[in-house]
Amino acid sequence: MKKPVRIGCLLFLVLGLALILGQFLWKWKEGPTQAFTFLNTAAVSRSVTFEKIGKEGTLEKIYTIDNKLAHNQFSYNQVPPGNYQVTIWNDDKSELKTFDFQVILNDAEKTNHQPFRLDIALDKVYAVVHLNVLYEGEAFASFMSKAAGTHQTKLQFEKFYDGSKPFYVADEYTTRTFIDIDDKIPSKVKYGELVYGLFAFPKSLSKDQVEAEIIAQIKSKIK
């Protein structure tokens, strides 16, 4: 019985080494990549494609990215560096918007897993909001009560991004306690920790409407 066991262990080891070698060769061939998060906040399905632009300015006729997203659907991809023609498509395959975008890595030798983001609804603004006011001596209920009654919330908007173009949330926010667009807001955080949240709102909203919209989203995201 010992011989079959040894053969089985050897086979398992060989398969494991083959898998590791395969992953290494794939990474070597593809090289470092940049993460992208695509989402669709539109009420209808849409698609996004990335087509690489060659050195002579001609399209390669092969899609690096070809994603169809339903309402509120996300997709995550790794994209090699280069110049791309980005196209947003309606559900009937008609072209909605096309633009060029260059994918550049912060470190050319390393894959970056912090994503660029693109909302193919094309009608949203994204904001990074400083959320420490929720933890500075005020309970969530107290904060929300004041917000509902007076709109004096002391919310601090750190950065705004146009969601119709790929945008990158700065590392100074994502390396702290960062509440992503689909995350819940924790009821407690470590003392002294900075807390930021990412929120989306329609471009058509006025300044007062934006604050009311963010407050409503905070309420819905509290654990």
C-alpha atoms as a PDB file:
ATOM      1  CA  MET A   1       0.000   0.000   0.000  1.00  0.00           C
ATOM      2  CA  LYS A   2       2.949   2.342   0.553  1.00  0.00           C
ATOM      3  CA  LYS A   3       3.943   2.417  -3.133  1.00  0.00           C
ATOM      4  CA  PRO A   4       0.585   3.750  -4.457  1.00  0.00           C
ATOM      5  CA  VAL A   5       0.594   6.376  -1.704  1.00  0.00           C
ATOM      6  CA  ARG A   6       4.077   7.522  -2.738  1.00  0.00           C
ATOM      7  CA  ILE A   7       3.062   7.649  -6.393  1.00  0.00           C
ATOM      8  CA  GLY A   8      -0.037   9.667  -5.493  1.00  0.00           C
ATOM      9  CA  CYS A   9       1.991  12.160  -3.451  1.00  0.00           C
ATOM     10  CA  LEU A  10       4.535  12.490  -6.267  1.00  0.00           C
ATOM     11  CA  LEU A  11       1.770  13.092  -8.813  1.00  0.00           C
ATOM     12  CA  PHE A  12       0.206  15.733  -6.560  1.00  0.00           C
ATOM     13  CA  LEU A  13       3.591  17.456  -6.219  1.00  0.00           C
ATOM     14  CA  VAL A  14       4.178  17.427  -9.990  1.00  0.00           C
ATOM     15  CA  LEU A  15       0.725  18.885 -10.674  1.00  0.00           C
ATOM     16  CA  GLY A  16       1.320  21.607  -8.077  1.00  0.00           C
ATOM     17  CA  LEU A  17       4.669  22.548  -9.616  1.00  0.00           C
ATOM     18  CA  ALA A  18       3.108  22.587 -13.092  1.00  0.00           C
ATOM     19  CA  LEU A  19       0.387  24.959 -11.888  1.00  0.00           C
ATOM     20  CA  ILE A  20       2.926  27.321 -10.311  1.00  0.00           C
ATOM     21  CA  LEU A  21       5.058  27.235 -13.481  1.00  0.00           C
ATOM     22  CA  GLY A  22       1.994  27.922 -15.629  1.00  0.00           C
ATOM     23  CA  GLN A  23       1.058  30.963 -13.555  1.00  0.00           C
ATOM     24  CA  PHE A  24       4.643  32.247 -13.739  1.00  0.00           C
ATOM     25  CA  LEU A  25       4.763  31.856 -17.536  1.00  0.00           C
ATOM     26  CA  TRP A  26       1.383  33.589 -17.914  1.00  0.00           C
ATOM     27  CA  LYS A  27       2.526  36.543 -15.823  1.00  0.00           C
ATOM     28  CA  TRP A  28       5.809  36.675 -17.732  1.00  0.00           C
ATOM     29  CA  LYS A  29       3.967  36.739 -21.073  1.00  0.00           C
ATOM     30  CA  GLU A  30       1.306  39.271 -20.084  1.00  0.00           C
ATOM     31  CA  GLY A  31       3.506  41.435 -17.878  1.00  0.00           C
ATOM     32  CA  PRO A  32       2.254  43.786 -15.136  1.00  0.00           C
ATOM     33  CA  THR A  33      -1.331  45.017 -15.444  1.00  0.00           C
ATOM     34  CA  GLN A  34      -3.613  47.731 -14.069  1.00  0.00           C
ATOM     35  CA  ALA A  35      -6.872  46.870 -12.292  1.00  0.00           C
ATOM     36  CA  PHE A  36     -10.149  48.319 -13.570  1.00  0.00           C
ATOM     37  CA  THR A  37     -13.595  48.281 -11.979  1.00  0.00           C
ATOM     38  CA  PHE A  38     -16.498  48.797 -14.363  1.00  0.00           C
ATOM     39  CA  LEU A  39     -20.028  49.460 -13.146  1.00  0.00           C
ATOM     40  CA  ASN A  40     -23.322  50.427 -14.692  1.00  0.00           C
ATOM     41  CA  THR A  41     -25.646  52.655 -12.668  1.00  0.00           C
ATOM     42  CA  ALA A  42     -27.872  53.286 -15.701  1.00  0.00           C
ATOM     43  CA  ALA A  43     -31.388  51.845 -15.715  1.00  0.00           C
ATOM     44  CA  VAL A  44     -30.601  49.837 -18.863  1.00  0.00           C
ATOM     45  CA  SER A  45     -27.911  47.352 -19.889  1.00  0.00           C
ATOM     46  CA  ARG A  46     -24.793  48.725 -21.578  1.00  0.00           C
ATOM     47  CA  SER A  47     -21.429  47.436 -22.758  1.00  0.00           C
ATOM     48  CA  VAL A  48     -17.857  48.712 -22.615  1.00  0.00           C
ATOM     49  CA  THR A  49     -14.967  47.719 -24.864  1.00  0.00           C
ATOM     50  CA  PHE A  50     -11.243  48.489 -24.767  1.00  0.00           C
ATOM     51  CA  GLU A  51      -9.511  48.166 -28.143  1.00  0.00           C
ATOM     52  CA  LYS A  52      -5.745  48.648 -28.161  1.00  0.00           C
ATOM     53  CA  ILE A  53      -4.269  51.329 -30.413  1.00  0.00           C
ATOM     54  CA  GLY A  54      -1.052  50.240 -32.137  1.00  0.00           C
ATOM     55  CA  LYS A  55       2.143  52.256 -32.515  1.00  0.00           C
ATOM     56  CA  GLU A  56       1.026  53.575 -35.899  1.00  0.00           C
ATOM     57  CA  GLY A  57      -2.327  54.691 -34.504  1.00  0.00           C
ATOM     58  CA  THR A  58      -4.294  51.811 -35.972  1.00  0.00           C
ATOM     59  CA  LEU A  59      -6.736  49.700 -33.969  1.00  0.00           C
ATOM     60  CA  GLU A  60      -5.777  46.079 -33.325  1.00  0.00           C
ATOM     61  CA  LYS A  61      -9.331  44.835 -34.042  1.00  0.00           C
ATOM     62  CA  ILE A  62      -9.269  42.722 -30.869  1.00  0.00           C
ATOM     63  CA  TYR A  63     -11.032  43.748 -27.673  1.00  0.00           C
ATOM     64  CA  THR A  64      -8.885  43.633 -24.548  1.00  0.00           C
ATOM     65  CA  ILE A  65     -12.082  44.335 -22.586  1.00  0.00           C
ATOM     66  CA  ASP A  66     -15.581  43.420 -23.769  1.00  0.00           C
ATOM     67  CA  ASN A  67     -18.046  43.608 -20.878  1.00  0.00           C
ATOM     68  CA  LYS A  68     -21.827  43.783 -20.922  1.00  0.00           C
ATOM     69  CA  LEU A  69     -23.287  45.052 -17.642  1.00  0.00           C
ATOM     70  CA  ALA A  70     -26.872  45.064 -16.436  1.00  0.00           C
ATOM     71  CA  HIS A  71     -28.224  47.742 -14.075  1.00  0.00           C
ATOM     72  CA  ASN A  72     -25.975  48.067 -10.983  1.00  0.00           C
ATOM     73  CA  GLN A  73     -23.698  45.253 -12.159  1.00  0.00           C
ATOM     74  CA  PHE A  74     -19.918  45.356 -11.565  1.00  0.00           C
ATOM     75  CA  SER A  75     -17.014  43.716 -13.367  1.00  0.00           C
ATOM     76  CA  TYR A  76     -13.321  43.564 -12.476  1.00  0.00           C
ATOM     77  CA  ASN A  77     -10.486  43.247 -14.989  1.00  0.00           C
ATOM     78  CA  GLN A  78      -6.710  43.591 -15.264  1.00  0.00           C
ATOM     79  CA  VAL A  79      -5.601  45.658 -18.268  1.00  0.00           C
ATOM     80  CA  PRO A  80      -2.056  45.733 -19.720  1.00  0.00           C
ATOM     81  CA  PRO A  81      -0.461  49.179 -20.152  1.00  0.00           C
ATOM     82  CA  GLY A  82      -1.020  50.899 -23.495  1.00  0.00           C
ATOM     83  CA  ASN A  83      -3.246  53.229 -25.478  1.00  0.00           C
ATOM     84  CA  TYR A  84      -6.865  52.161 -25.895  1.00  0.00           C
ATOM     85  CA  GLN A  85      -9.981  53.255 -27.694  1.00  0.00           C
ATOM     86  CA  VAL A  86     -12.762  52.996 -25.110  1.00  0.00           C
ATOM     87  CA  THR A  87     -16.319  52.658 -26.395  1.00  0.00           C
ATOM     88  CA  ILE A  88     -19.580  52.595 -24.450  1.00  0.00           C
ATOM     89  CA  TRP A  89     -22.380  50.782 -26.282  1.00  0.00           C
ATOM     90  CA  ASN A  90     -26.153  50.878 -25.901  1.00  0.00           C
ATOM     91  CA  ASP A  91     -28.022  47.611 -25.474  1.00  0.00           C
ATOM     92  CA  ASP A  92     -28.966  47.697 -29.194  1.00  0.00           C
ATOM     93  CA  LYS A  93     -25.207  47.779 -30.035  1.00  0.00           C
ATOM     94  CA  SER A  94     -25.296  51.412 -31.140  1.00  0.00           C
ATOM     95  CA  GLU A  95     -22.328  53.537 -30.072  1.00  0.00           C
ATOM     96  CA  LEU A  96     -22.978  55.870 -27.125  1.00  0.00           C
ATOM     97  CA  LYS A  97     -19.524  57.381 -26.530  1.00  0.00           C
ATOM     98  CA  THR A  98     -15.934  56.799 -27.675  1.00  0.00           C
ATOM     99  CA  PHE A  99     -12.698  58.231 -26.298  1.00  0.00           C
ATOM    100  CA  ASP A 100      -9.019  57.364 -26.061  1.00  0.00           C
ATOM    101  CA  PHE A 101      -7.392  56.444 -22.758  1.00  0.00           C
ATOM    102  CA  GLN A 102      -3.810  55.623 -21.860  1.00  0.00           C
ATOM    103  CA  VAL A 103      -3.211  52.980 -19.197  1.00  0.00           C
ATOM    104  CA  ILE A 104       0.022  53.728 -17.309  1.00  0.00           C
ATOM    105  CA  LEU A 105       1.329  51.867 -14.267  1.00  0.00           C
ATOM    106  CA  ASN A 106       2.686  53.810 -11.294  1.00  0.00           C
ATOM    107  CA  ASP A 107       5.465  51.212 -11.153  1.00  0.00           C
ATOM    108  CA  ALA A 108       6.180  49.697 -14.565  1.00  0.00           C
ATOM    109  CA  GLU A 109       7.458  46.494 -12.929  1.00  0.00           C
ATOM    110  CA  LYS A 110       4.450  45.793 -10.708  1.00  0.00           C
ATOM    111  CA  THR A 111       0.785  44.963 -11.227  1.00  0.00           C
ATOM    112  CA  ASN A 112      -1.455  47.540  -9.566  1.00  0.00           C
ATOM    113  CA  HIS A 113      -4.533  46.034  -7.886  1.00  0.00           C
ATOM    114  CA  GLN A 114      -5.952  49.425  -6.851  1.00  0.00           C
ATOM    115  CA  PRO A 115      -8.458  50.033  -9.644  1.00  0.00           C
ATOM    116  CA  PHE A 116      -9.322  52.731 -12.078  1.00  0.00           C
ATOM    117  CA  ARG A 117     -13.112  53.031 -12.075  1.00  0.00           C
ATOM    118  CA  LEU A 118     -15.538  53.726 -14.913  1.00  0.00           C
ATOM    119  CA  ASP A 119     -19.306  54.085 -14.626  1.00  0.00           C
ATOM    120  CA  ILE A 120     -20.759  53.408 -18.071  1.00  0.00           C
ATOM    121  CA  ALA A 121     -23.970  55.226 -17.138  1.00  0.00           C
ATOM    122  CA  LEU A 122     -21.919  58.362 -18.005  1.00  0.00           C
ATOM    123  CA  ASP A 123     -24.119  60.649 -15.898  1.00  0.00           C
ATOM    124  CA  LYS A 124     -22.642  60.446 -12.377  1.00  0.00           C
ATOM    125  CA  VAL A 125     -20.152  62.377 -10.288  1.00  0.00           C
ATOM    126  CA  TYR A 126     -18.173  60.447  -7.668  1.00  0.00           C
ATOM    127  CA  ALA A 127     -17.083  62.045  -4.412  1.00  0.00           C
ATOM    128  CA  VAL A 128     -14.695  61.020  -1.658  1.00  0.00           C
ATOM    129  CA  VAL A 129     -16.232  62.137   1.643  1.00  0.00           C
ATOM    130  CA  HIS A 130     -14.432  62.409   4.986  1.00  0.00           C
ATOM    131  CA  LEU A 131     -16.587  60.437   7.440  1.00  0.00           C
ATOM    132  CA  ASN A 132     -14.846  60.931  10.788  1.00  0.00           C
ATOM    133  CA  VAL A 133     -17.673  63.204  11.912  1.00  0.00           C
ATOM    134  CA  LEU A 134     -19.680  60.002  12.392  1.00  0.00           C
ATOM    135  CA  TYR A 135     -17.281  58.838  15.095  1.00  0.00           C
ATOM    136  CA  GLU A 136     -16.387  62.072  16.898  1.00  0.00           C
ATOM    137  CA  GLY A 137     -18.609  62.066  19.967  1.00  0.00           C
ATOM    138  CA  GLU A 138     -21.842  61.713  18.022  1.00  0.00           C
ATOM    139  CA  ALA A 139     -23.775  58.500  17.684  1.00  0.00           C
ATOM    140  CA  PHE A 140     -25.092  57.638  14.235  1.00  0.00           C
ATOM    141  CA  ALA A 141     -28.653  58.320  15.360  1.00  0.00           C
ATOM    142  CA  SER A 142     -27.751  61.774  16.683  1.00  0.00           C
ATOM    143  CA  PHE A 143     -25.889  62.666  13.525  1.00  0.00           C
ATOM    144  CA  MET A 144     -28.733  61.558  11.301  1.00  0.00           C
ATOM    145  CA  SER A 145     -31.287  63.413  13.399  1.00  0.00           C
ATOM    146  CA  LYS A 146     -29.383  66.671  12.971  1.00  0.00           C
ATOM    147  CA  ALA A 147     -28.841  66.000   9.292  1.00  0.00           C
ATOM    148  CA  ALA A 148     -32.533  65.404   8.659  1.00  0.00           C
ATOM    149  CA  GLY A 149     -33.607  68.507  10.549  1.00  0.00           C
ATOM    150  CA  THR A 150     -31.082  71.158   9.573  1.00  0.00           C
ATOM    151  CA  HIS A 151     -28.804  69.800   6.830  1.00  0.00           C
ATOM    152  CA  GLN A 152     -25.886  71.091   8.947  1.00  0.00           C
ATOM    153  CA  THR A 153     -23.989  67.839   8.738  1.00  0.00           C
ATOM    154  CA  LYS A 154     -20.352  68.993   8.681  1.00  0.00           C
ATOM    155  CA  LEU A 155     -19.699  66.560   5.849  1.00  0.00           C
ATOM    156  CA  GLN A 156     -16.319  67.256   4.286  1.00  0.00           C
ATOM    157  CA  PHE A 157     -15.984  66.574   0.566  1.00  0.00           C
ATOM    158  CA  GLU A 158     -12.369  65.692  -0.223  1.00  0.00           C
ATOM    159  CA  LYS A 159     -12.383  65.046  -3.965  1.00  0.00           C
ATOM    160  CA  PHE A 160     -14.770  64.910  -6.924  1.00  0.00           C
ATOM    161  CA  TYR A 161     -14.369  62.691  -9.995  1.00  0.00           C
ATOM    162  CA  ASP A 162     -16.185  62.613 -13.324  1.00  0.00           C
ATOM    163  CA  GLY A 163     -17.604  59.096 -13.444  1.00  0.00           C
ATOM    164  CA  SER A 164     -17.923  59.149 -17.252  1.00  0.00           C
ATOM    165  CA  LYS A 165     -14.124  58.841 -17.557  1.00  0.00           C
ATOM    166  CA  PRO A 166     -11.804  56.309 -15.899  1.00  0.00           C
ATOM    167  CA  PHE A 167     -10.732  57.770 -12.561  1.00  0.00           C
ATOM    168  CA  TYR A 168      -8.330  56.633  -9.861  1.00  0.00           C
ATOM    169  CA  VAL A 169      -9.063  57.285  -6.190  1.00  0.00           C
ATOM    170  CA  ALA A 170      -5.818  58.535  -4.651  1.00  0.00           C
ATOM    171  CA  ASP A 171      -3.886  56.155  -2.410  1.00  0.00           C
ATOM    172  CA  GLU A 172      -4.072  58.680   0.431  1.00  0.00           C
ATOM    173  CA  TYR A 173      -7.762  57.710   0.738  1.00  0.00           C
ATOM    174  CA  THR A 174      -7.752  54.012  -0.177  1.00  0.00           C
ATOM    175  CA  THR A 175      -4.891  53.145   2.193  1.00  0.00           C
ATOM    176  CA  ARG A 176      -6.941  54.350   5.181  1.00  0.00           C
ATOM    177  CA  THR A 177     -10.334  53.004   6.267  1.00  0.00           C
ATOM    178  CA  PHE A 178     -12.048  53.304   2.885  1.00  0.00           C
ATOM    179  CA  ILE A 179     -15.769  52.655   2.373  1.00  0.00           C
ATOM    180  CA  ASP A 180     -16.142  51.711  -1.280  1.00  0.00           C
ATOM    181  CA  ILE A 181     -19.250  52.411  -3.317  1.00  0.00           C
ATOM    182  CA  ASP A 182     -20.809  49.023  -2.452  1.00  0.00           C
ATOM    183  CA  ASP A 183     -19.490  48.689   1.135  1.00  0.00           C
ATOM    184  CA  LYS A 184     -21.323  49.131   4.421  1.00  0.00           C
ATOM    185  CA  ILE A 185     -20.211  51.814   6.913  1.00  0.00           C
ATOM    186  CA  PRO A 186     -18.798  50.275  10.122  1.00  0.00           C
ATOM    187  CA  SER A 187     -20.296  51.402  13.430  1.00  0.00           C
ATOM    188  CA  LYS A 188     -16.824  51.565  15.026  1.00  0.00           C
ATOM    189  CA  VAL A 189     -13.289  52.297  13.841  1.00  0.00           C
ATOM    190  CA  LYS A 190      -9.892  52.395  15.529  1.00  0.00           C
ATOM    191  CA  TYR A 191      -9.160  55.532  17.527  1.00  0.00           C
ATOM    192  CA  GLY A 192      -7.397  58.119  15.391  1.00  0.00           C
ATOM    193  CA  GLU A 193      -8.094  56.300  12.127  1.00  0.00           C
ATOM    194  CA  LEU A 194      -9.140  58.400   9.117  1.00  0.00           C
ATOM    195  CA  VAL A 195     -12.320  57.231   7.406  1.00  0.00           C
ATOM    196  CA  TYR A 196     -13.296  58.029   3.826  1.00  0.00           C
ATOM    197  CA  GLY A 197     -16.259  56.953   1.735  1.00  0.00           C
ATOM    198  CA  LEU A 198     -16.909  56.914  -2.007  1.00  0.00           C
ATOM    199  CA  PHE A 199     -20.355  58.057  -3.127  1.00  0.00           C
ATOM    200  CA  ALA A 200     -22.019  58.667  -6.509  1.00  0.00           C
ATOM    201  CA  PHE A 201     -24.687  61.191  -7.432  1.00  0.00           C
ATOM    202  CA  PRO A 202     -26.275  62.436 -10.704  1.00  0.00           C
ATOM    203  CA  LYS A 203     -24.535  65.359 -12.406  1.00  0.00           C
ATOM    204  CA  SER A 204     -27.880  67.166 -12.568  1.00  0.00           C
ATOM    205  CA  LEU A 205     -28.178  67.665  -8.767  1.00  0.00           C
ATOM    206  CA  SER A 206     -27.709  71.079  -7.157  1.00  0.00           C
ATOM    207  CA  LYS A 207     -25.253  71.582  -4.278  1.00  0.00           C
ATOM    208  CA  ASP A 208     -27.985  71.274  -1.620  1.00  0.00           C
ATOM    209  CA  GLN A 209     -29.418  68.207  -3.325  1.00  0.00           C
ATOM    210  CA  VAL A 210     -25.989  66.573  -3.386  1.00  0.00           C
ATOM    211  CA  GLU A 211     -25.635  66.784   0.402  1.00  0.00           C
ATOM    212  CA  ALA A 212     -29.138  65.395   0.922  1.00  0.00           C
ATOM    213  CA  GLU A 213     -28.359  62.536  -1.464  1.00  0.00           C
ATOM    214  CA  ILE A 214     -25.111  61.664   0.333  1.00  0.00           C
ATOM    215  CA  ILE A 215     -26.892  61.687   3.709  1.00  0.00           C
ATOM    216  CA  ALA A 216     -29.517  59.297   2.343  1.00  0.00           C
ATOM    217  CA  GLN A 217     -26.786  56.988   1.075  1.00  0.00           C
ATOM    218  CA  ILE A 218     -24.980  57.092   4.433  1.00  0.00           C
ATOM    219  CA  LYS A 219     -28.209  56.020   6.150  1.00  0.00           C
ATOM    220  CA  SER A 220     -28.586  53.079   3.784  1.00  0.00           C
ATOM    221  CA  LYS A 221     -24.954  51.977   4.231  1.00  0.00           C
ATOM    222  CA  ILE A 222     -24.798  51.897   8.047  1.00  0.00           C
ATOM    223  CA  LYS A 223     -24.340  48.374   9.391  1.00  0.00           C
END
